[in-house]
Amino acid sequence: MAIFMFSLAGIPPFAGFFGKYVLFSATVDAGFTWLAIVAVISSIISVYFYIGLVVVMYFKDKEAGEPIIASSGLAGITLIVATAGTFILGFLPQFLDAVTKSLF
């Protein structure tokens, strides 16, 4: 979950960083610098909430209750595929660019 929150926050080297970079640079190239500034400020504000969730999940003591049992099966496979995609697109963003150019 922390990996996905870091990606949503736009922290390198995760896929979310490159997505935000491409979006912000396209906005500036189109002449909407003011919009890019608003988007960067909004993105900075969102980092507080994404990282806050990670802090609550991993650094706060949980209340007493039933133990959390890790799921397996299809949920585990889905988690592995999503995590692999986040890392692959984070470390090799040109892969996504090549795929989209070949499709469109």
PDB file of N, CA and C in Angstrom:
ATOM      1  N   MET A   1       0.821  -1.183   0.000  1.00  0.00           N
ATOM      2  CA  MET A   1       0.000   0.000   0.000  1.00  0.00           C
ATOM      3  C   MET A   1       0.870   1.254   0.000  1.00  0.00           C
ATOM      4  N   ALA A   2       1.981   1.189   0.711  1.00  0.00           N
ATOM      5  CA  ALA A   2       2.879   2.337   0.748  1.00  0.00           C
ATOM      6  C   ALA A   2       3.440   2.645  -0.637  1.00  0.00           C
ATOM      7  N   ILE A   3       3.741   1.619  -1.401  1.00  0.00           N
ATOM      8  CA  ILE A   3       4.249   1.822  -2.760  1.00  0.00           C
ATOM      9  C   ILE A   3       3.230   2.577  -3.602  1.00  0.00           C
ATOM     10  N   PHE A   4       1.971   2.197  -3.483  1.00  0.00           N
ATOM     11  CA  PHE A   4       0.934   2.851  -4.275  1.00  0.00           C
ATOM     12  C   PHE A   4       0.701   4.286  -3.809  1.00  0.00           C
ATOM     13  N   MET A   5       0.789   4.525  -2.526  1.00  0.00           N
ATOM     14  CA  MET A   5       0.634   5.895  -2.016  1.00  0.00           C
ATOM     15  C   MET A   5       1.794   6.780  -2.476  1.00  0.00           C
ATOM     16  N   PHE A   6       3.008   6.236  -2.463  1.00  0.00           N
ATOM     17  CA  PHE A   6       4.156   7.009  -2.954  1.00  0.00           C
ATOM     18  C   PHE A   6       4.008   7.297  -4.445  1.00  0.00           C
ATOM     19  N   SER A   7       3.483   6.343  -5.180  1.00  0.00           N
ATOM     20  CA  SER A   7       3.266   6.559  -6.607  1.00  0.00           C
ATOM     21  C   SER A   7       2.213   7.629  -6.844  1.00  0.00           C
ATOM     22  N   LEU A   8       1.125   7.580  -6.091  1.00  0.00           N
ATOM     23  CA  LEU A   8       0.089   8.609  -6.221  1.00  0.00           C
ATOM     24  C   LEU A   8       0.616   9.985  -5.828  1.00  0.00           C
ATOM     25  N   ALA A   9       1.522  10.016  -4.871  1.00  0.00           N
ATOM     26  CA  ALA A   9       2.096  11.285  -4.443  1.00  0.00           C
ATOM     27  C   ALA A   9       3.057  11.848  -5.481  1.00  0.00           C
ATOM     28  N   GLY A  10       3.528  11.013  -6.394  1.00  0.00           N
ATOM     29  CA  GLY A  10       4.438  11.476  -7.421  1.00  0.00           C
ATOM     30  C   GLY A  10       5.888  11.465  -6.999  1.00  0.00           C
ATOM     31  N   ILE A  11       6.226  10.553  -6.122  1.00  0.00           N
ATOM     32  CA  ILE A  11       7.603  10.449  -5.647  1.00  0.00           C
ATOM     33  C   ILE A  11       8.382   9.541  -6.597  1.00  0.00           C
ATOM     34  N   PRO A  12       9.554  10.023  -7.096  1.00  0.00           N
ATOM     35  CA  PRO A  12      10.336   9.164  -7.980  1.00  0.00           C
ATOM     36  C   PRO A  12      10.875   7.976  -7.216  1.00  0.00           C
ATOM     37  N   PRO A  13      11.096   6.867  -7.788  1.00  0.00           N
ATOM     38  CA  PRO A  13      11.057   6.484  -9.194  1.00  0.00           C
ATOM     39  C   PRO A  13       9.768   5.769  -9.569  1.00  0.00           C
ATOM     40  N   PHE A  14       8.696   5.997  -8.883  1.00  0.00           N
ATOM     41  CA  PHE A  14       7.459   5.283  -9.156  1.00  0.00           C
ATOM     42  C   PHE A  14       6.738   5.868 -10.365  1.00  0.00           C
ATOM     43  N   ALA A  15       5.797   5.114 -10.901  1.00  0.00           N
ATOM     44  CA  ALA A  15       5.116   5.491 -12.135  1.00  0.00           C
ATOM     45  C   ALA A  15       4.355   6.805 -12.006  1.00  0.00           C
ATOM     46  N   GLY A  16       3.843   7.113 -10.853  1.00  0.00           N
ATOM     47  CA  GLY A  16       3.092   8.347 -10.659  1.00  0.00           C
ATOM     48  C   GLY A  16       3.923   9.593 -10.892  1.00  0.00           C
ATOM     49  N   PHE A  17       5.218   9.524 -10.589  1.00  0.00           N
ATOM     50  CA  PHE A  17       6.105  10.659 -10.827  1.00  0.00           C
ATOM     51  C   PHE A  17       6.177  10.984 -12.312  1.00  0.00           C
ATOM     52  N   PHE A  18       6.372   9.967 -13.126  1.00  0.00           N
ATOM     53  CA  PHE A  18       6.504  10.203 -14.556  1.00  0.00           C
ATOM     54  C   PHE A  18       5.182  10.625 -15.174  1.00  0.00           C
ATOM     55  N   GLY A  19       4.084  10.112 -14.655  1.00  0.00           N
ATOM     56  CA  GLY A  19       2.774  10.558 -15.124  1.00  0.00           C
ATOM     57  C   GLY A  19       2.549  12.032 -14.846  1.00  0.00           C
ATOM     58  N   LYS A  20       2.888  12.445 -13.640  1.00  0.00           N
ATOM     59  CA  LYS A  20       2.738  13.865 -13.299  1.00  0.00           C
ATOM     60  C   LYS A  20       3.713  14.726 -14.086  1.00  0.00           C
ATOM     61  N   TYR A  21       4.919  14.241 -14.284  1.00  0.00           N
ATOM     62  CA  TYR A  21       5.904  14.997 -15.048  1.00  0.00           C
ATOM     63  C   TYR A  21       5.428  15.239 -16.476  1.00  0.00           C
ATOM     64  N   VAL A  22       4.945  14.200 -17.120  1.00  0.00           N
ATOM     65  CA  VAL A  22       4.461  14.332 -18.500  1.00  0.00           C
ATOM     66  C   VAL A  22       3.257  15.269 -18.549  1.00  0.00           C
ATOM     67  N   LEU A  23       2.362  15.142 -17.605  1.00  0.00           N
ATOM     68  CA  LEU A  23       1.175  15.994 -17.571  1.00  0.00           C
ATOM     69  C   LEU A  23       1.552  17.456 -17.352  1.00  0.00           C
ATOM     70  N   PHE A  24       2.419  17.725 -16.405  1.00  0.00           N
ATOM     71  CA  PHE A  24       2.808  19.108 -16.121  1.00  0.00           C
ATOM     72  C   PHE A  24       3.606  19.718 -17.275  1.00  0.00           C
ATOM     73  N   SER A  25       4.499  18.938 -17.879  1.00  0.00           N
ATOM     74  CA  SER A  25       5.283  19.482 -18.993  1.00  0.00           C
ATOM     75  C   SER A  25       4.406  19.730 -20.215  1.00  0.00           C
ATOM     76  N   ALA A  26       3.421  18.886 -20.467  1.00  0.00           N
ATOM     77  CA  ALA A  26       2.501  19.120 -21.581  1.00  0.00           C
ATOM     78  C   ALA A  26       1.655  20.361 -21.335  1.00  0.00           C
ATOM     79  N   THR A  27       1.292  20.585 -20.089  1.00  0.00           N
ATOM     80  CA  THR A  27       0.516  21.772 -19.751  1.00  0.00           C
ATOM     81  C   THR A  27       1.332  23.036 -19.985  1.00  0.00           C
ATOM     82  N   VAL A  28       2.596  23.024 -19.600  1.00  0.00           N
ATOM     83  CA  VAL A  28       3.462  24.189 -19.822  1.00  0.00           C
ATOM     84  C   VAL A  28       3.716  24.388 -21.318  1.00  0.00           C
ATOM     85  N   ASP A  29       3.952  23.287 -22.053  1.00  0.00           N
ATOM     86  CA  ASP A  29       4.191  23.389 -23.495  1.00  0.00           C
ATOM     87  C   ASP A  29       2.980  23.944 -24.246  1.00  0.00           C
ATOM     88  N   ALA A  30       1.786  23.685 -23.720  1.00  0.00           N
ATOM     89  CA  ALA A  30       0.567  24.189 -24.353  1.00  0.00           C
ATOM     90  C   ALA A  30       0.293  25.648 -24.008  1.00  0.00           C
ATOM     91  N   GLY A  31       1.112  26.221 -23.142  1.00  0.00           N
ATOM     92  CA  GLY A  31       0.954  27.622 -22.794  1.00  0.00           C
ATOM     93  C   GLY A  31       0.101  27.882 -21.570  1.00  0.00           C
ATOM     94  N   PHE A  32      -0.199  26.864 -20.830  1.00  0.00           N
ATOM     95  CA  PHE A  32      -1.013  26.997 -19.629  1.00  0.00           C
ATOM     96  C   PHE A  32      -0.142  26.882 -18.377  1.00  0.00           C
ATOM     97  N   THR A  33       0.838  27.760 -18.276  1.00  0.00           N
ATOM     98  CA  THR A  33       1.755  27.718 -17.143  1.00  0.00           C
ATOM     99  C   THR A  33       1.022  27.933 -15.829  1.00  0.00           C
ATOM    100  N   TRP A  34       0.043  28.803 -15.821  1.00  0.00           N
ATOM    101  CA  TRP A  34      -0.720  29.054 -14.595  1.00  0.00           C
ATOM    102  C   TRP A  34      -1.422  27.784 -14.128  1.00  0.00           C
ATOM    103  N   LEU A  35      -1.912  26.998 -15.079  1.00  0.00           N
ATOM    104  CA  LEU A  35      -2.591  25.757 -14.723  1.00  0.00           C
ATOM    105  C   LEU A  35      -1.600  24.734 -14.174  1.00  0.00           C
ATOM    106  N   ALA A  36      -0.414  24.705 -14.739  1.00  0.00           N
ATOM    107  CA  ALA A  36       0.626  23.803 -14.227  1.00  0.00           C
ATOM    108  C   ALA A  36       1.022  24.179 -12.807  1.00  0.00           C
ATOM    109  N   ILE A  37       1.085  25.476 -12.527  1.00  0.00           N
ATOM    110  CA  ILE A  37       1.415  25.927 -11.168  1.00  0.00           C
ATOM    111  C   ILE A  37       0.328  25.500 -10.189  1.00  0.00           C
ATOM    112  N   VAL A  38      -0.924  25.664 -10.575  1.00  0.00           N
ATOM    113  CA  VAL A  38      -2.040  25.236  -9.717  1.00  0.00           C
ATOM    114  C   VAL A  38      -1.987  23.726  -9.503  1.00  0.00           C
ATOM    115  N   ALA A  39      -1.666  22.976 -10.558  1.00  0.00           N
ATOM    116  CA  ALA A  39      -1.597  21.520 -10.445  1.00  0.00           C
ATOM    117  C   ALA A  39      -0.456  21.087  -9.536  1.00  0.00           C
ATOM    118  N   VAL A  40       0.686  21.752  -9.614  1.00  0.00           N
ATOM    119  CA  VAL A  40       1.823  21.412  -8.748  1.00  0.00           C
ATOM    120  C   VAL A  40       1.485  21.718  -7.295  1.00  0.00           C
ATOM    121  N   ILE A  41       0.855  22.851  -7.056  1.00  0.00           N
ATOM    122  CA  ILE A  41       0.462  23.188  -5.680  1.00  0.00           C
ATOM    123  C   ILE A  41      -0.545  22.163  -5.149  1.00  0.00           C
ATOM    124  N   SER A  42      -1.502  21.777  -5.975  1.00  0.00           N
ATOM    125  CA  SER A  42      -2.478  20.757  -5.566  1.00  0.00           C
ATOM    126  C   SER A  42      -1.799  19.422  -5.302  1.00  0.00           C
ATOM    127  N   SER A  43      -0.823  19.110  -6.113  1.00  0.00           N
ATOM    128  CA  SER A  43      -0.086  17.867  -5.932  1.00  0.00           C
ATOM    129  C   SER A  43       0.706  17.879  -4.625  1.00  0.00           C
ATOM    130  N   ILE A  44       1.285  19.013  -4.290  1.00  0.00           N
ATOM    131  CA  ILE A  44       2.022  19.134  -3.031  1.00  0.00           C
ATOM    132  C   ILE A  44       1.083  18.970  -1.843  1.00  0.00           C
ATOM    133  N   ILE A  45      -0.101  19.548  -1.942  1.00  0.00           N
ATOM    134  CA  ILE A  45      -1.093  19.395  -0.867  1.00  0.00           C
ATOM    135  C   ILE A  45      -1.504  17.933  -0.727  1.00  0.00           C
ATOM    136  N   SER A  46      -1.674  17.239  -1.854  1.00  0.00           N
ATOM    137  CA  SER A  46      -2.101  15.841  -1.795  1.00  0.00           C
ATOM    138  C   SER A  46      -1.041  14.939  -1.172  1.00  0.00           C
ATOM    139  N   VAL A  47       0.242  15.319  -1.297  1.00  0.00           N
ATOM    140  CA  VAL A  47       1.317  14.522  -0.694  1.00  0.00           C
ATOM    141  C   VAL A  47       1.109  14.405   0.814  1.00  0.00           C
ATOM    142  N   TYR A  48       0.637  15.457   1.435  1.00  0.00           N
ATOM    143  CA  TYR A  48       0.386  15.436   2.876  1.00  0.00           C
ATOM    144  C   TYR A  48      -0.593  14.317   3.239  1.00  0.00           C
ATOM    145  N   PHE A  49      -1.640  14.165   2.463  1.00  0.00           N
ATOM    146  CA  PHE A  49      -2.648  13.153   2.764  1.00  0.00           C
ATOM    147  C   PHE A  49      -2.160  11.746   2.437  1.00  0.00           C
ATOM    148  N   TYR A  50      -1.454  11.598   1.301  1.00  0.00           N
ATOM    149  CA  TYR A  50      -0.950  10.271   0.941  1.00  0.00           C
ATOM    150  C   TYR A  50       0.080   9.774   1.947  1.00  0.00           C
ATOM    151  N   ILE A  51       1.033  10.613   2.298  1.00  0.00           N
ATOM    152  CA  ILE A  51       2.059  10.213   3.250  1.00  0.00           C
ATOM    153  C   ILE A  51       1.463  10.068   4.648  1.00  0.00           C
ATOM    154  N   GLY A  52       0.473  10.878   4.963  1.00  0.00           N
ATOM    155  CA  GLY A  52      -0.216  10.740   6.252  1.00  0.00           C
ATOM    156  C   GLY A  52      -0.863   9.376   6.411  1.00  0.00           C
ATOM    157  N   LEU A  53      -1.414   8.858   5.328  1.00  0.00           N
ATOM    158  CA  LEU A  53      -2.005   7.525   5.373  1.00  0.00           C
ATOM    159  C   LEU A  53      -0.948   6.462   5.619  1.00  0.00           C
ATOM    160  N   VAL A  54       0.201   6.608   4.983  1.00  0.00           N
ATOM    161  CA  VAL A  54       1.299   5.654   5.198  1.00  0.00           C
ATOM    162  C   VAL A  54       1.770   5.714   6.654  1.00  0.00           C
ATOM    163  N   VAL A  55       1.865   6.900   7.209  1.00  0.00           N
ATOM    164  CA  VAL A  55       2.286   7.045   8.608  1.00  0.00           C
ATOM    165  C   VAL A  55       1.299   6.355   9.535  1.00  0.00           C
ATOM    166  N   VAL A  56       0.011   6.543   9.295  1.00  0.00           N
ATOM    167  CA  VAL A  56      -0.997   5.902  10.139  1.00  0.00           C
ATOM    168  C   VAL A  56      -0.930   4.385  10.005  1.00  0.00           C
ATOM    169  N   MET A  57      -0.714   3.890   8.798  1.00  0.00           N
ATOM    170  CA  MET A  57      -0.690   2.438   8.583  1.00  0.00           C
ATOM    171  C   MET A  57       0.505   1.770   9.234  1.00  0.00           C
ATOM    172  N   TYR A  58       1.675   2.407   9.153  1.00  0.00           N
ATOM    173  CA  TYR A  58       2.885   1.714   9.566  1.00  0.00           C
ATOM    174  C   TYR A  58       3.522   2.214  10.853  1.00  0.00           C
ATOM    175  N   PHE A  59       3.208   3.403  11.297  1.00  0.00           N
ATOM    176  CA  PHE A  59       3.919   3.951  12.442  1.00  0.00           C
ATOM    177  C   PHE A  59       3.031   4.227  13.651  1.00  0.00           C
ATOM    178  N   LYS A  60       1.756   4.061  13.540  1.00  0.00           N
ATOM    179  CA  LYS A  60       0.851   4.253  14.675  1.00  0.00           C
ATOM    180  C   LYS A  60       0.485   2.895  15.248  1.00  0.00           C
ATOM    181  N   ASP A  61       0.327   2.854  16.557  1.00  0.00           N
ATOM    182  CA  ASP A  61      -0.093   1.609  17.192  1.00  0.00           C
ATOM    183  C   ASP A  61      -1.551   1.337  16.864  1.00  0.00           C
ATOM    184  N   LYS A  62      -1.838   0.089  16.528  1.00  0.00           N
ATOM    185  CA  LYS A  62      -3.212  -0.250  16.202  1.00  0.00           C
ATOM    186  C   LYS A  62      -3.969  -0.592  17.480  1.00  0.00           C
ATOM    187  N   GLU A  63      -5.259  -0.417  17.405  1.00  0.00           N
ATOM    188  CA  GLU A  63      -6.096  -0.736  18.544  1.00  0.00           C
ATOM    189  C   GLU A  63      -6.216  -2.248  18.667  1.00  0.00           C
ATOM    190  N   ALA A  64      -6.448  -2.694  19.875  1.00  0.00           N
ATOM    191  CA  ALA A  64      -6.605  -4.129  20.103  1.00  0.00           C
ATOM    192  C   ALA A  64      -7.858  -4.615  19.395  1.00  0.00           C
ATOM    193  N   GLY A  65      -7.766  -5.747  18.830  1.00  0.00           N
ATOM    194  CA  GLY A  65      -8.900  -6.318  18.104  1.00  0.00           C
ATOM    195  C   GLY A  65      -8.468  -7.620  17.461  1.00  0.00           C
ATOM    196  N   GLU A  66      -9.239  -8.024  16.499  1.00  0.00           N
ATOM    197  CA  GLU A  66      -8.908  -9.253  15.803  1.00  0.00           C
ATOM    198  C   GLU A  66      -7.677  -9.040  14.923  1.00  0.00           C
ATOM    199  N   PRO A  67      -6.842 -10.074  14.818  1.00  0.00           N
ATOM    200  CA  PRO A  67      -5.662  -9.929  13.957  1.00  0.00           C
ATOM    201  C   PRO A  67      -6.061  -9.834  12.495  1.00  0.00           C
ATOM    202  N   ILE A  68      -5.263  -9.106  11.747  1.00  0.00           N
ATOM    203  CA  ILE A  68      -5.501  -8.974  10.319  1.00  0.00           C
ATOM    204  C   ILE A  68      -4.823 -10.139   9.619  1.00  0.00           C
ATOM    205  N   ILE A  69      -5.582 -10.842   8.828  1.00  0.00           N
ATOM    206  CA  ILE A  69      -5.051 -11.997   8.108  1.00  0.00           C
ATOM    207  C   ILE A  69      -4.831 -11.579   6.658  1.00  0.00           C
ATOM    208  N   ALA A  70      -3.619 -11.790   6.166  1.00  0.00           N
ATOM    209  CA  ALA A  70      -3.305 -11.421   4.786  1.00  0.00           C
ATOM    210  C   ALA A  70      -4.100 -12.310   3.841  1.00  0.00           C
ATOM    211  N   SER A  71      -4.669 -11.687   2.836  1.00  0.00           N
ATOM    212  CA  SER A  71      -5.433 -12.456   1.858  1.00  0.00           C
ATOM    213  C   SER A  71      -4.485 -13.105   0.864  1.00  0.00           C
ATOM    214  N   SER A  72      -4.960 -14.145   0.252  1.00  0.00           N
ATOM    215  CA  SER A  72      -4.143 -14.833  -0.738  1.00  0.00           C
ATOM    216  C   SER A  72      -5.015 -15.135  -1.949  1.00  0.00           C
ATOM    217  N   GLY A  73      -4.487 -15.885  -2.860  1.00  0.00           N
ATOM    218  CA  GLY A  73      -5.250 -16.237  -4.041  1.00  0.00           C
ATOM    219  C   GLY A  73      -5.282 -15.101  -5.051  1.00  0.00           C
ATOM    220  N   LEU A  74      -6.466 -14.819  -5.557  1.00  0.00           N
ATOM    221  CA  LEU A  74      -6.617 -13.815  -6.604  1.00  0.00           C
ATOM    222  C   LEU A  74      -6.229 -12.422  -6.120  1.00  0.00           C
ATOM    223  N   ALA A  75      -6.527 -12.097  -4.879  1.00  0.00           N
ATOM    224  CA  ALA A  75      -6.142 -10.785  -4.345  1.00  0.00           C
ATOM    225  C   ALA A  75      -4.625 -10.656  -4.280  1.00  0.00           C
ATOM    226  N   GLY A  76      -3.945 -11.704  -3.915  1.00  0.00           N
ATOM    227  CA  GLY A  76      -2.488 -11.680  -3.864  1.00  0.00           C
ATOM    228  C   GLY A  76      -1.870 -11.536  -5.247  1.00  0.00           C
ATOM    229  N   ILE A  77      -2.435 -12.228  -6.215  1.00  0.00           N
ATOM    230  CA  ILE A  77      -1.951 -12.128  -7.601  1.00  0.00           C
ATOM    231  C   ILE A  77      -2.165 -10.719  -8.132  1.00  0.00           C
ATOM    232  N   THR A  78      -3.323 -10.154  -7.849  1.00  0.00           N
ATOM    233  CA  THR A  78      -3.621  -8.790  -8.277  1.00  0.00           C
ATOM    234  C   THR A  78      -2.650  -7.803  -7.661  1.00  0.00           C
ATOM    235  N   LEU A  79      -2.350  -7.977  -6.403  1.00  0.00           N
ATOM    236  CA  LEU A  79      -1.399  -7.099  -5.722  1.00  0.00           C
ATOM    237  C   LEU A  79      -0.011  -7.203  -6.333  1.00  0.00           C
ATOM    238  N   ILE A  80       0.425  -8.395  -6.645  1.00  0.00           N
ATOM    239  CA  ILE A  80       1.745  -8.590  -7.251  1.00  0.00           C
ATOM    240  C   ILE A  80       1.808  -7.948  -8.632  1.00  0.00           C
ATOM    241  N   VAL A  81       0.772  -8.122  -9.438  1.00  0.00           N
ATOM    242  CA  VAL A  81       0.749  -7.541 -10.785  1.00  0.00           C
ATOM    243  C   VAL A  81       0.740  -6.011 -10.715  1.00  0.00           C
ATOM    244  N   ALA A  82      -0.062  -5.450  -9.816  1.00  0.00           N
ATOM    245  CA  ALA A  82      -0.130  -3.988  -9.687  1.00  0.00           C
ATOM    246  C   ALA A  82       1.187  -3.419  -9.183  1.00  0.00           C
ATOM    247  N   THR A  83       1.821  -4.080  -8.236  1.00  0.00           N
ATOM    248  CA  THR A  83       3.108  -3.617  -7.728  1.00  0.00           C
ATOM    249  C   THR A  83       4.185  -3.715  -8.799  1.00  0.00           C
ATOM    250  N   ALA A  84       4.199  -4.804  -9.543  1.00  0.00           N
ATOM    251  CA  ALA A  84       5.173  -4.955 -10.626  1.00  0.00           C
ATOM    252  C   ALA A  84       4.969  -3.878 -11.683  1.00  0.00           C
ATOM    253  N   GLY A  85       3.720  -3.589 -12.017  1.00  0.00           N
ATOM    254  CA  GLY A  85       3.445  -2.537 -12.993  1.00  0.00           C
ATOM    255  C   GLY A  85       3.898  -1.177 -12.512  1.00  0.00           C
ATOM    256  N   THR A  86       3.706  -0.903 -11.245  1.00  0.00           N
ATOM    257  CA  THR A  86       4.150   0.379 -10.686  1.00  0.00           C
ATOM    258  C   THR A  86       5.663   0.513 -10.750  1.00  0.00           C
ATOM    259  N   PHE A  87       6.375  -0.553 -10.435  1.00  0.00           N
ATOM    260  CA  PHE A  87       7.827  -0.496 -10.504  1.00  0.00           C
ATOM    261  C   PHE A  87       8.332  -0.447 -11.944  1.00  0.00           C
ATOM    262  N   ILE A  88       7.751  -1.265 -12.814  1.00  0.00           N
ATOM    263  CA  ILE A  88       8.207  -1.299 -14.212  1.00  0.00           C
ATOM    264  C   ILE A  88       7.984   0.052 -14.880  1.00  0.00           C
ATOM    265  N   LEU A  89       6.811   0.624 -14.709  1.00  0.00           N
ATOM    266  CA  LEU A  89       6.544   1.927 -15.317  1.00  0.00           C
ATOM    267  C   LEU A  89       7.311   3.040 -14.626  1.00  0.00           C
ATOM    268  N   GLY A  90       7.710   2.821 -13.383  1.00  0.00           N
ATOM    269  CA  GLY A  90       8.522   3.810 -12.688  1.00  0.00           C
ATOM    270  C   GLY A  90       9.971   3.803 -13.140  1.00  0.00           C
ATOM    271  N   PHE A  91      10.533   2.621 -13.318  1.00  0.00           N
ATOM    272  CA  PHE A  91      11.930   2.524 -13.713  1.00  0.00           C
ATOM    273  C   PHE A  91      12.121   2.561 -15.229  1.00  0.00           C
ATOM    274  N   LEU A  92      11.104   2.177 -15.984  1.00  0.00           N
ATOM    275  CA  LEU A  92      11.199   2.162 -17.447  1.00  0.00           C
ATOM    276  C   LEU A  92      10.016   2.896 -18.076  1.00  0.00           C
ATOM    277  N   PRO A  93       9.906   4.204 -17.876  1.00  0.00           N
ATOM    278  CA  PRO A  93       8.752   4.921 -18.432  1.00  0.00           C
ATOM    279  C   PRO A  93       8.735   4.929 -19.955  1.00  0.00           C
ATOM    280  N   GLN A  94       9.885   4.747 -20.594  1.00  0.00           N
ATOM    281  CA  GLN A  94       9.918   4.714 -22.046  1.00  0.00           C
ATOM    282  C   GLN A  94       9.188   3.500 -22.597  1.00  0.00           C
ATOM    283  N   PHE A  95       9.025   2.457 -21.775  1.00  0.00           N
ATOM    284  CA  PHE A  95       8.267   1.273 -22.190  1.00  0.00           C
ATOM    285  C   PHE A  95       6.825   1.643 -22.484  1.00  0.00           C
ATOM    286  N   LEU A  96       6.210   2.432 -21.621  1.00  0.00           N
ATOM    287  CA  LEU A  96       4.830   2.863 -21.830  1.00  0.00           C
ATOM    288  C   LEU A  96       4.732   3.767 -23.053  1.00  0.00           C
ATOM    289  N   ASP A  97       5.719   4.614 -23.258  1.00  0.00           N
ATOM    290  CA  ASP A  97       5.730   5.493 -24.419  1.00  0.00           C
ATOM    291  C   ASP A  97       5.799   4.682 -25.709  1.00  0.00           C
ATOM    292  N   ALA A  98       6.640   3.664 -25.732  1.00  0.00           N
ATOM    293  CA  ALA A  98       6.765   2.817 -26.921  1.00  0.00           C
ATOM    294  C   ALA A  98       5.477   2.047 -27.201  1.00  0.00           C
ATOM    295  N   VAL A  99       4.824   1.567 -26.150  1.00  0.00           N
ATOM    296  CA  VAL A  99       3.586   0.812 -26.329  1.00  0.00           C
ATOM    297  C   VAL A  99       2.481   1.706 -26.858  1.00  0.00           C
ATOM    298  N   THR A 100       2.348   2.906 -26.316  1.00  0.00           N
ATOM    299  CA  THR A 100       1.281   3.806 -26.769  1.00  0.00           C
ATOM    300  C   THR A 100       1.525   4.288 -28.191  1.00  0.00           C
ATOM    301  N   LYS A 101       2.779   4.496 -28.579  1.00  0.00           N
ATOM    302  CA  LYS A 101       3.065   4.911 -29.946  1.00  0.00           C
ATOM    303  C   LYS A 101       2.757   3.801 -30.928  1.00  0.00           C
ATOM    304  N   SER A 102       2.976   2.553 -30.535  1.00  0.00           N
ATOM    305  CA  SER A 102       2.676   1.451 -31.439  1.00  0.00           C
ATOM    306  C   SER A 102       1.168   1.202 -31.558  1.00  0.00           C
ATOM    307  N   LEU A 103       0.410   1.542 -30.520  1.00  0.00           N
ATOM    308  CA  LEU A 103      -1.030   1.334 -30.578  1.00  0.00           C
ATOM    309  C   LEU A 103      -1.765   2.460 -31.286  1.00  0.00           C
ATOM    310  N   PHE A 104      -1.269   3.664 -31.129  1.00  0.00           N
ATOM    311  CA  PHE A 104      -1.969   4.814 -31.704  1.00  0.00           C
ATOM    312  C   PHE A 104      -1.132   5.418 -32.774  1.00  0.00           C
TER     313      PHE A 104
END
